[in-house]
Amino acid sequence: MEKKYYTIIARATPLGQGSIGVIRISGNNIIDVIKHTLKLKYIKPKYANYLPFYYKNKIIDKGIALWFPKPDSFTGEDILELQCHGNIILMDLLINDIILNINNIRIALPGEFSKRAFLNKKIDLTQAEAISDIISANSKQAVFSSMNLMNGKFSLLIKNLQKIVIDIRVQIESFLEFNYEVNFSIICNNIIVKLQKILKFLKEIIKYVKNGIRIKEGIKIILIGPPNSGKSSLMNLITNKNISIVTNIPGTTRDILHENIYFSSVPIEIIDTAGIRKTENEIELIGIKKTLQTIKYANYIFLIVEDIITKSSLSQIIESNLKNFRKKIPIVIIRNKIDLTNNNPEIIYKNDYVIIKLSIKNKTGISILTNFIKKNIIYINNNEDQFTARNRYIDSLNYIHKILIKGQKNFLKTYSLELIAEDLRLIQENLDLITGKITSKNLLKNIFSQFCVGK
């Protein structure tokens, strides 16, 4: 028998003792379970039925039974939920008794309830992933953003983009079929305009998705700079913990140190790194190499230097270490130790980066830094319409962007309707991969295997 048609059962509440435990059952054998465990032929659908639960014809507990007949259920199948007392032994006795006495029923695989909801078109793939995000959300913002994904905010953006793609494809196919009825130049001009519209819309979606990944994984801020510039002291100050060892000896920090904090309810990962300098010390060199490798995973770079640094030395540090990152990752230059230069704390906005002057030792100008983080890092990543996202979304969208740029360029050269039609077909196919309209068994296995049993 196809696995899809087995009735599945599992605990929907986590292991451990609690006042309530929920057993979830989905499939075609729900009436058999009602007859066996509740000793009734029928219970009222979508109603909290307070009933005795039976084990080997003896009442083992009393609780709530909820029946949701298909298709009006989470999975699209018949669903029965038994809410009993949250004792592991009690729940296992009920589950094992049901499996032993009813045919074609088995323990659910991880994420199998959500997988069935997806396969029965109750939710798309992004909404299924949102369930996992809601369960693992580690901040208030992550909870609401996960719910936005679950409610289909991202799916709606993808559908709107698909509508434009389909509209162009229909126009092209119509022209190729009935080209005597429409002017060729009008069709081409219309395609050019709509390709620009797709490109603009796509860039906005990519921006949303990148922010969604930050919400899910946390915003990563990496602290880099020469030895003794104040990186470790800043790490300890921001996190309010003595995480990094602070000494006057250059090269004290030789490994990557991570600490997660919440800033205005947004998770931020602060990363302290080895001081960047020329050295012969083998261990220190390994630390510096790790620093340069870690930078590419950061969302923001805080370059900490002493305020006495010359303009040429600062430019050399940026050119030598951040040349490949400065166009991709925002850089904040923190000029520390203004207590030694007698300069005032301030913030200076440049075209390529931001400069903040402060003293970590005297805690002068720290409020400037924290306000900058709130207004320019937290705020722009904190949108009530934001949704959580995954790297697979950005991979597909970047591939679509590549196809679109290349297709647009070729079309302006050749005006070939056949070639642009093929590009648009590939774009639509990759959009369908995101929502799961077109998908592979391996992708589904990888996604749903990460869910807990009972979801």
Protein backbone atom coordinates (compact mmCIF):
# COMPACT_ATOMS: atom_id res chain seq x y z
CA MET A 1 0.00 0.00 0.00
CA GLU A 2 1.22 3.52 -0.80
CA LYS A 3 2.64 5.16 2.32
CA LYS A 4 0.52 8.20 1.57
CA TYR A 5 -2.66 6.22 2.36
CA TYR A 6 -1.62 4.87 5.73
CA THR A 7 -3.29 6.46 8.70
CA ILE A 8 -0.59 8.08 10.84
CA ILE A 9 -0.45 8.74 14.58
CA ALA A 10 1.96 10.61 16.86
CA ARG A 11 2.28 12.76 19.94
CA ALA A 12 1.79 16.41 18.99
CA THR A 13 3.18 17.62 22.32
CA PRO A 14 6.88 17.28 23.29
CA LEU A 15 8.35 14.55 25.48
CA GLY A 16 8.11 15.11 29.20
CA GLN A 17 5.38 15.29 31.79
CA GLY A 18 2.73 17.97 31.51
CA SER A 19 -0.86 18.67 32.42
CA ILE A 20 -2.01 18.01 28.83
CA GLY A 21 -0.75 15.71 26.11
CA VAL A 22 -2.08 15.71 22.55
CA ILE A 23 -2.20 12.68 20.26
CA ARG A 24 -2.82 13.49 16.60
CA ILE A 25 -4.17 10.97 14.07
CA SER A 26 -4.70 11.59 10.34
CA GLY A 27 -6.02 9.32 7.59
CA ASN A 28 -8.87 7.10 6.47
CA ASN A 29 -9.21 5.04 9.66
CA ILE A 30 -10.41 7.74 12.04
CA ILE A 31 -13.88 6.20 12.49
CA ASP A 32 -12.18 2.92 13.46
CA VAL A 33 -10.13 4.79 16.10
CA ILE A 34 -13.29 6.49 17.43
CA LYS A 35 -15.01 3.11 17.74
CA HIS A 36 -12.00 1.45 19.38
CA THR A 37 -10.65 4.13 21.75
CA LEU A 38 -13.83 6.10 22.51
CA LYS A 39 -16.29 3.21 22.22
CA LEU A 40 -18.61 5.33 20.09
CA LYS A 41 -19.82 4.98 16.50
CA TYR A 42 -19.65 8.72 15.89
CA ILE A 43 -18.72 11.99 17.60
CA LYS A 44 -19.78 15.51 16.73
CA PRO A 45 -17.32 17.08 14.24
CA LYS A 46 -15.42 20.30 15.10
CA TYR A 47 -16.64 20.10 18.68
CA ALA A 48 -14.76 19.57 21.95
CA ASN A 49 -16.16 16.23 23.11
CA TYR A 50 -15.29 15.39 26.75
CA LEU A 51 -15.13 11.60 26.80
CA PRO A 52 -13.48 8.58 28.47
CA PHE A 53 -10.49 7.02 26.61
CA TYR A 54 -10.31 3.21 26.64
CA TYR A 55 -7.31 0.87 26.79
CA LYS A 56 -8.10 -2.83 26.47
CA ASN A 57 -11.77 -2.09 27.19
CA LYS A 58 -10.91 -0.25 30.41
CA ILE A 59 -11.09 3.49 30.97
CA ILE A 60 -7.52 4.72 31.21
CA ASP A 61 -8.20 8.47 31.14
CA LYS A 62 -10.79 11.15 30.36
CA GLY A 63 -10.16 14.05 28.03
CA ILE A 64 -11.13 16.02 24.94
CA ALA A 65 -11.65 14.41 21.53
CA LEU A 66 -11.71 16.67 18.45
CA TRP A 67 -12.70 15.33 15.04
CA PHE A 68 -12.12 17.29 11.82
CA PRO A 69 -13.59 15.47 8.81
CA LYS A 70 -11.81 15.88 5.46
CA PRO A 71 -11.26 18.13 3.62
CA ASP A 72 -11.77 20.72 6.40
CA SER A 73 -8.67 19.83 8.38
CA PHE A 74 -4.99 20.77 8.54
CA THR A 75 -3.86 17.78 6.46
CA GLY A 76 -6.89 17.66 4.17
CA GLU A 77 -7.62 14.17 5.58
CA ASP A 78 -9.79 13.08 8.50
CA ILE A 79 -8.03 14.19 11.69
CA LEU A 80 -8.70 13.12 15.27
CA GLU A 81 -6.95 14.78 18.22
CA LEU A 82 -7.06 13.21 21.66
CA GLN A 83 -6.20 15.56 24.51
CA CYS A 84 -5.36 13.49 27.56
CA HIS A 85 -3.16 14.03 30.62
CA GLY A 86 0.46 14.60 29.63
CA ASN A 87 1.95 11.40 31.01
CA ILE A 88 4.37 9.68 28.60
CA ILE A 89 3.38 6.16 29.69
CA LEU A 90 -0.33 6.96 29.33
CA MET A 91 0.13 8.41 25.85
CA ASP A 92 2.32 5.52 24.70
CA LEU A 93 -0.26 2.99 25.94
CA LEU A 94 -3.02 4.70 23.93
CA ILE A 95 -0.87 5.03 20.79
CA ASN A 96 0.40 1.42 20.89
CA ASP A 97 -3.11 0.09 21.55
CA ILE A 98 -4.45 1.93 18.50
CA ILE A 99 -1.60 0.69 16.25
CA LEU A 100 -1.97 -2.94 17.41
CA ASN A 101 -5.75 -3.08 17.02
CA ILE A 102 -6.41 -1.07 13.85
CA ASN A 103 -5.10 -2.01 10.40
CA ASN A 104 -3.01 0.28 8.22
CA ILE A 105 -2.03 2.73 10.94
CA ARG A 106 1.55 3.57 11.91
CA ILE A 107 3.69 6.13 13.74
CA ALA A 108 4.07 9.34 11.72
CA LEU A 109 7.45 10.30 10.30
CA PRO A 110 8.96 13.69 11.24
CA GLY A 111 6.93 16.44 9.61
CA GLU A 112 4.53 13.98 7.96
CA PHE A 113 1.36 15.81 9.03
CA SER A 114 2.66 19.02 7.42
CA LYS A 115 3.85 17.05 4.39
CA ARG A 116 0.36 15.66 3.87
CA ALA A 117 -1.09 19.17 4.19
CA PHE A 118 1.30 20.21 1.40
CA LEU A 119 0.58 17.18 -0.80
CA ASN A 120 -3.18 17.74 -0.36
CA LYS A 121 -2.71 21.40 -1.41
CA LYS A 122 -3.82 22.83 1.93
CA ILE A 123 -0.57 24.82 2.11
CA ASP A 124 2.33 25.46 -0.24
CA LEU A 125 5.93 24.54 0.53
CA THR A 126 6.87 27.93 1.99
CA GLN A 127 3.88 27.78 4.35
CA ALA A 128 4.93 24.29 5.45
CA GLU A 129 8.40 25.62 6.24
CA ALA A 130 6.79 28.44 8.21
CA ILE A 131 5.40 25.87 10.67
CA SER A 132 8.95 24.82 11.54
CA ASP A 133 9.96 28.50 11.83
CA ILE A 134 7.11 29.23 14.27
CA ILE A 135 8.16 26.31 16.48
CA SER A 136 11.84 27.33 16.53
CA ALA A 137 11.35 31.14 16.59
CA ASN A 138 13.79 32.71 19.04
CA SER A 139 12.39 36.25 19.21
CA LYS A 140 9.12 38.18 19.13
CA GLN A 141 9.91 39.42 15.63
CA ALA A 142 10.67 35.88 14.45
CA VAL A 143 7.26 34.69 15.72
CA PHE A 144 5.34 37.36 13.79
CA SER A 145 7.56 36.99 10.71
CA SER A 146 7.03 33.21 10.73
CA MET A 147 3.29 33.78 10.94
CA ASN A 148 3.49 36.15 7.96
CA LEU A 149 5.15 33.35 5.98
CA MET A 150 2.46 30.93 7.17
CA ASN A 151 -0.28 33.37 6.12
CA GLY A 152 1.13 33.43 2.60
CA LYS A 153 2.74 36.90 2.36
CA PHE A 154 5.75 35.48 0.51
CA SER A 155 3.58 33.14 -1.58
CA LEU A 156 1.51 36.15 -2.69
CA LEU A 157 4.63 37.99 -3.88
CA ILE A 158 5.69 34.94 -5.89
CA LYS A 159 2.19 34.56 -7.37
CA ASN A 160 2.11 38.24 -8.40
CA LEU A 161 5.48 37.83 -10.09
CA GLN A 162 4.24 34.69 -11.83
CA LYS A 163 1.20 36.57 -13.15
CA ILE A 164 3.44 39.04 -14.98
CA VAL A 165 5.59 36.21 -16.38
CA ILE A 166 2.53 34.26 -17.53
CA ASP A 167 1.02 37.39 -19.07
CA ILE A 168 4.11 37.94 -21.25
CA ARG A 169 4.23 34.26 -22.20
CA VAL A 170 0.57 34.35 -23.27
CA GLN A 171 1.20 37.46 -25.40
CA ILE A 172 4.21 35.86 -27.07
CA GLU A 173 2.38 32.59 -27.77
CA SER A 174 -0.62 34.50 -29.15
CA PHE A 175 1.59 36.55 -31.45
CA LEU A 176 3.46 33.47 -32.71
CA GLU A 177 0.12 31.79 -33.40
CA PHE A 178 -1.73 34.81 -34.84
CA ASN A 179 1.08 37.22 -35.81
CA TYR A 180 -0.95 38.83 -38.57
CA GLU A 181 -3.27 40.45 -36.01
CA VAL A 182 -0.71 42.29 -33.81
CA ASN A 183 2.07 44.72 -34.67
CA PHE A 184 5.50 43.18 -33.91
CA SER A 185 7.03 46.41 -32.58
CA ILE A 186 4.12 46.89 -30.16
CA ILE A 187 4.63 43.38 -28.78
CA CYS A 188 8.40 43.95 -28.39
CA ASN A 189 7.96 47.29 -26.63
CA ASN A 190 5.41 45.75 -24.29
CA ILE A 191 7.81 42.88 -23.47
CA ILE A 192 10.66 45.31 -22.73
CA VAL A 193 8.47 47.31 -20.33
CA LYS A 194 7.24 44.20 -18.53
CA LEU A 195 10.73 42.71 -18.27
CA GLN A 196 11.79 45.90 -16.48
CA LYS A 197 8.78 45.56 -14.21
CA ILE A 198 9.72 41.95 -13.39
CA LEU A 199 13.31 42.98 -12.68
CA LYS A 200 12.26 45.76 -10.32
CA PHE A 201 9.76 43.51 -8.53
CA LEU A 202 12.34 40.71 -8.29
CA LYS A 203 14.89 43.01 -6.62
CA GLU A 204 12.32 43.98 -4.00
CA ILE A 205 11.51 40.33 -3.29
CA ILE A 206 15.22 39.47 -2.96
CA LYS A 207 15.59 42.32 -0.46
CA TYR A 208 12.66 40.94 1.58
CA VAL A 209 14.09 37.41 1.47
CA LYS A 210 17.55 38.52 2.63
CA ASN A 211 15.96 40.29 5.59
CA GLY A 212 13.88 37.19 6.27
CA ILE A 213 17.02 35.05 6.46
CA ARG A 214 18.50 37.53 8.94
CA ILE A 215 15.40 37.27 11.13
CA LYS A 216 15.54 33.47 11.08
CA GLU A 217 19.28 33.12 11.59
CA GLY A 218 19.95 36.39 13.43
CA ILE A 219 21.85 39.47 12.28
CA LYS A 220 25.59 38.78 12.26
CA ILE A 221 27.91 41.65 13.21
CA ILE A 222 31.62 40.90 12.95
CA LEU A 223 34.22 42.93 14.86
CA ILE A 224 37.56 43.21 13.06
CA GLY A 225 40.59 45.45 13.26
CA PRO A 226 44.24 45.65 14.35
CA PRO A 227 45.34 44.17 17.72
CA ASN A 228 44.59 46.26 20.82
CA SER A 229 42.13 48.50 18.96
CA GLY A 230 39.31 47.57 21.37
CA LYS A 231 37.45 44.74 19.62
CA SER A 232 37.27 42.48 22.68
CA SER A 233 36.38 45.38 24.97
CA LEU A 234 33.54 46.36 22.62
CA MET A 235 32.39 42.73 22.52
CA ASN A 236 32.22 42.65 26.32
CA LEU A 237 30.47 46.03 26.46
CA ILE A 238 27.78 45.20 23.86
CA THR A 239 27.03 41.77 25.31
CA ASN A 240 27.42 42.95 28.92
CA LYS A 241 29.55 39.86 29.58
CA ASN A 242 33.25 39.14 30.05
CA ILE A 243 33.47 36.90 27.02
CA SER A 244 36.67 38.11 25.40
CA ILE A 245 39.97 38.28 27.27
CA VAL A 246 41.26 41.86 27.31
CA THR A 247 45.00 42.59 27.74
CA ASN A 248 47.60 45.02 26.44
CA ILE A 249 49.40 42.14 24.69
CA PRO A 250 48.88 42.23 20.90
CA GLY A 251 47.32 39.04 19.49
CA THR A 252 45.47 38.01 22.69
CA THR A 253 42.35 36.97 20.74
CA ARG A 254 43.35 34.15 18.40
CA ASP A 255 40.07 32.38 17.76
CA ILE A 256 36.58 33.37 16.66
CA LEU A 257 34.26 34.15 19.59
CA HIS A 258 30.47 34.19 19.15
CA GLU A 259 27.79 35.57 21.43
CA ASN A 260 24.05 35.89 20.78
CA ILE A 261 22.15 38.83 22.24
CA TYR A 262 18.75 40.44 21.78
CA PHE A 263 18.64 44.05 20.70
CA SER A 264 15.10 45.51 20.72
CA SER A 265 13.79 41.91 20.58
CA VAL A 266 15.89 41.15 17.47
CA PRO A 267 18.51 38.36 17.72
CA ILE A 268 22.05 39.55 16.94
CA GLU A 269 25.18 37.45 16.81
CA ILE A 270 28.31 39.41 17.79
CA ILE A 271 31.53 37.88 16.45
CA ASP A 272 34.91 38.84 17.93
CA THR A 273 37.96 38.00 15.83
CA ALA A 274 41.73 37.87 15.92
CA GLY A 275 43.52 41.19 15.40
CA ILE A 276 44.63 41.72 11.80
CA ARG A 277 48.35 42.41 11.50
CA LYS A 278 51.59 41.05 10.04
CA THR A 279 52.93 38.33 12.31
CA GLU A 280 55.18 35.26 12.27
CA ASN A 281 53.25 33.50 15.03
CA GLU A 282 51.72 30.37 13.47
CA ILE A 283 48.73 30.18 15.84
CA GLU A 284 47.98 33.88 15.40
CA LEU A 285 48.17 33.49 11.61
CA ILE A 286 45.52 30.73 11.80
CA GLY A 287 43.28 33.11 13.79
CA ILE A 288 43.74 35.89 11.22
CA LYS A 289 42.92 33.45 8.40
CA LYS A 290 39.73 32.42 10.23
CA THR A 291 38.81 36.09 10.60
CA LEU A 292 39.03 36.72 6.87
CA GLN A 293 37.00 33.56 6.15
CA THR A 294 34.28 34.54 8.66
CA ILE A 295 33.77 38.03 7.21
CA LYS A 296 31.85 36.71 4.18
CA TYR A 297 29.11 35.31 6.46
CA ALA A 298 28.54 38.64 8.24
CA ASN A 299 25.66 41.03 7.61
CA TYR A 300 27.61 44.00 8.98
CA ILE A 301 31.31 44.71 9.51
CA PHE A 302 32.43 46.82 12.45
CA LEU A 303 36.04 47.85 11.79
CA ILE A 304 37.53 49.00 15.11
CA VAL A 305 40.67 51.18 14.94
CA GLU A 306 42.38 53.64 17.25
CA ASP A 307 41.40 57.26 16.70
CA ILE A 308 45.07 58.21 16.16
CA ILE A 309 45.24 56.06 13.00
CA THR A 310 46.29 57.93 9.87
CA LYS A 311 44.08 58.17 6.81
CA SER A 312 46.59 56.19 4.73
CA SER A 313 46.87 53.39 7.32
CA LEU A 314 43.08 53.12 7.54
CA SER A 315 42.80 52.98 3.74
CA GLN A 316 45.46 50.27 3.68
CA ILE A 317 43.55 48.12 6.20
CA ILE A 318 40.35 48.47 4.18
CA GLU A 319 42.07 47.84 0.85
CA SER A 320 44.05 44.84 2.14
CA ASN A 321 41.28 43.07 4.04
CA LEU A 322 37.87 44.39 2.98
CA LYS A 323 38.32 45.06 -0.73
CA ASN A 324 36.18 42.07 -1.73
CA PHE A 325 33.45 42.80 0.84
CA ARG A 326 32.85 46.55 0.95
CA LYS A 327 30.34 46.53 -1.93
CA LYS A 328 28.44 43.59 -0.48
CA ILE A 329 28.53 44.13 3.30
CA PRO A 330 27.94 47.49 5.05
CA ILE A 331 31.04 48.71 6.92
CA VAL A 332 30.97 50.79 10.12
CA ILE A 333 34.35 52.24 11.12
CA ILE A 334 34.63 52.73 14.87
CA ARG A 335 37.43 55.10 15.82
CA ASN A 336 38.06 54.14 19.44
CA LYS A 337 40.12 55.81 22.20
CA ILE A 338 39.03 59.42 21.62
CA ASP A 339 39.96 59.87 25.28
CA LEU A 340 43.59 59.88 24.07
CA THR A 341 43.04 62.28 21.18
CA ASN A 342 40.65 64.61 23.03
CA ASN A 343 38.15 64.39 20.15
CA ASN A 344 34.41 64.59 20.66
CA PRO A 345 32.11 61.61 20.08
CA GLU A 346 30.30 61.88 16.77
CA ILE A 347 28.94 59.98 13.79
CA ILE A 348 29.99 60.80 10.23
CA TYR A 349 28.18 59.44 7.18
CA LYS A 350 30.35 58.81 4.12
CA ASN A 351 29.37 57.37 0.76
CA ASP A 352 30.98 53.98 1.33
CA TYR A 353 30.79 53.63 5.10
CA VAL A 354 29.87 55.21 8.44
CA ILE A 355 32.42 56.51 10.98
CA ILE A 356 31.63 56.56 14.72
CA LYS A 357 34.06 58.19 17.16
CA LEU A 358 33.89 56.95 20.75
CA SER A 359 35.80 55.78 23.81
CA ILE A 360 35.07 52.28 25.03
CA LYS A 361 37.18 52.85 28.14
CA ASN A 362 35.22 55.94 29.24
CA LYS A 363 31.96 54.74 27.62
CA THR A 364 31.80 58.03 25.74
CA GLY A 365 29.83 57.92 22.50
CA ILE A 366 28.48 54.43 23.17
CA SER A 367 24.92 55.81 22.93
CA ILE A 368 25.76 57.00 19.39
CA LEU A 369 26.71 53.43 18.48
CA THR A 370 23.64 51.85 20.09
CA ASN A 371 21.31 54.38 18.45
CA PHE A 372 22.94 53.66 15.09
CA ILE A 373 22.35 49.93 15.60
CA LYS A 374 18.70 50.54 16.50
CA LYS A 375 17.94 52.95 13.64
CA ASN A 376 20.12 51.58 10.84
CA ILE A 377 20.40 47.87 11.54
CA ILE A 378 17.42 46.84 13.66
CA TYR A 379 14.83 49.18 12.14
CA ILE A 380 15.53 48.40 8.48
CA ASN A 381 15.34 44.68 9.28
CA ASN A 382 12.21 45.08 11.41
CA ASN A 383 9.11 45.34 9.23
CA GLU A 384 5.64 44.19 10.26
CA ASP A 385 5.14 42.78 6.75
CA GLN A 386 8.43 40.87 6.88
CA PHE A 387 8.46 37.08 6.70
CA THR A 388 11.09 34.51 7.61
CA ALA A 389 13.00 32.99 4.71
CA ARG A 390 15.48 30.29 3.74
CA ASN A 391 18.63 30.16 1.68
CA ARG A 392 16.91 28.01 -0.95
CA TYR A 393 14.60 30.95 -1.72
CA ILE A 394 17.51 33.30 -2.35
CA ASP A 395 19.33 30.67 -4.45
CA SER A 396 16.31 30.30 -6.75
CA LEU A 397 15.67 34.06 -6.92
CA ASN A 398 19.33 34.81 -7.73
CA TYR A 399 19.20 32.21 -10.51
CA ILE A 400 16.01 33.81 -11.84
CA HIS A 401 17.70 37.23 -11.70
CA LYS A 402 20.61 35.83 -13.74
CA ILE A 403 18.26 34.38 -16.37
CA LEU A 404 16.30 37.64 -16.52
CA ILE A 405 19.35 39.89 -16.98
CA LYS A 406 20.79 37.64 -19.69
CA GLY A 407 17.41 37.22 -21.42
CA GLN A 408 16.71 40.95 -21.36
CA LYS A 409 20.13 41.70 -22.86
CA ASN A 410 19.69 39.11 -25.63
CA PHE A 411 16.18 40.30 -26.44
CA LEU A 412 17.34 43.90 -26.91
CA LYS A 413 19.91 42.58 -29.40
CA THR A 414 17.90 39.95 -31.30
CA TYR A 415 14.20 40.64 -30.55
CA SER A 416 13.77 36.87 -30.67
CA LEU A 417 10.39 35.97 -29.18
CA GLU A 418 11.32 32.28 -29.10
CA LEU A 419 14.43 32.85 -26.97
CA ILE A 420 12.75 35.16 -24.46
CA ALA A 421 9.81 32.75 -24.26
CA GLU A 422 12.21 29.98 -23.21
CA ASP A 423 13.81 32.27 -20.60
CA LEU A 424 10.39 33.10 -19.19
CA ARG A 425 9.53 29.39 -19.06
CA LEU A 426 12.67 28.75 -16.98
CA ILE A 427 11.79 31.67 -14.69
CA GLN A 428 8.28 30.35 -14.11
CA GLU A 429 9.65 26.86 -13.46
CA ASN A 430 12.02 28.17 -10.78
CA LEU A 431 9.25 30.21 -9.15
CA ASP A 432 7.22 27.00 -8.96
CA LEU A 433 10.19 25.30 -7.27
CA ILE A 434 10.02 27.85 -4.44
CA THR A 435 6.35 27.25 -3.65
CA GLY A 436 6.58 23.52 -4.32
CA LYS A 437 4.28 23.41 -7.35
CA ILE A 438 7.17 21.65 -9.04
CA THR A 439 9.44 19.81 -6.64
CA SER A 440 11.57 16.72 -6.13
CA LYS A 441 11.25 13.91 -3.60
CA ASN A 442 14.73 14.71 -2.25
CA LEU A 443 13.77 18.34 -1.58
CA LEU A 444 10.62 17.29 0.27
CA LYS A 445 12.55 14.70 2.27
CA ASN A 446 15.19 17.25 3.29
CA ILE A 447 12.60 19.86 4.31
CA PHE A 448 10.14 17.69 6.26
CA SER A 449 12.77 15.49 7.92
CA GLN A 450 13.83 18.57 9.91
CA PHE A 451 10.36 18.84 11.48
CA CYS A 452 9.50 17.26 14.82
CA VAL A 453 7.26 14.19 14.96
CA GLY A 454 3.63 15.23 15.34
CA LYS A 455 3.94 18.20 12.99
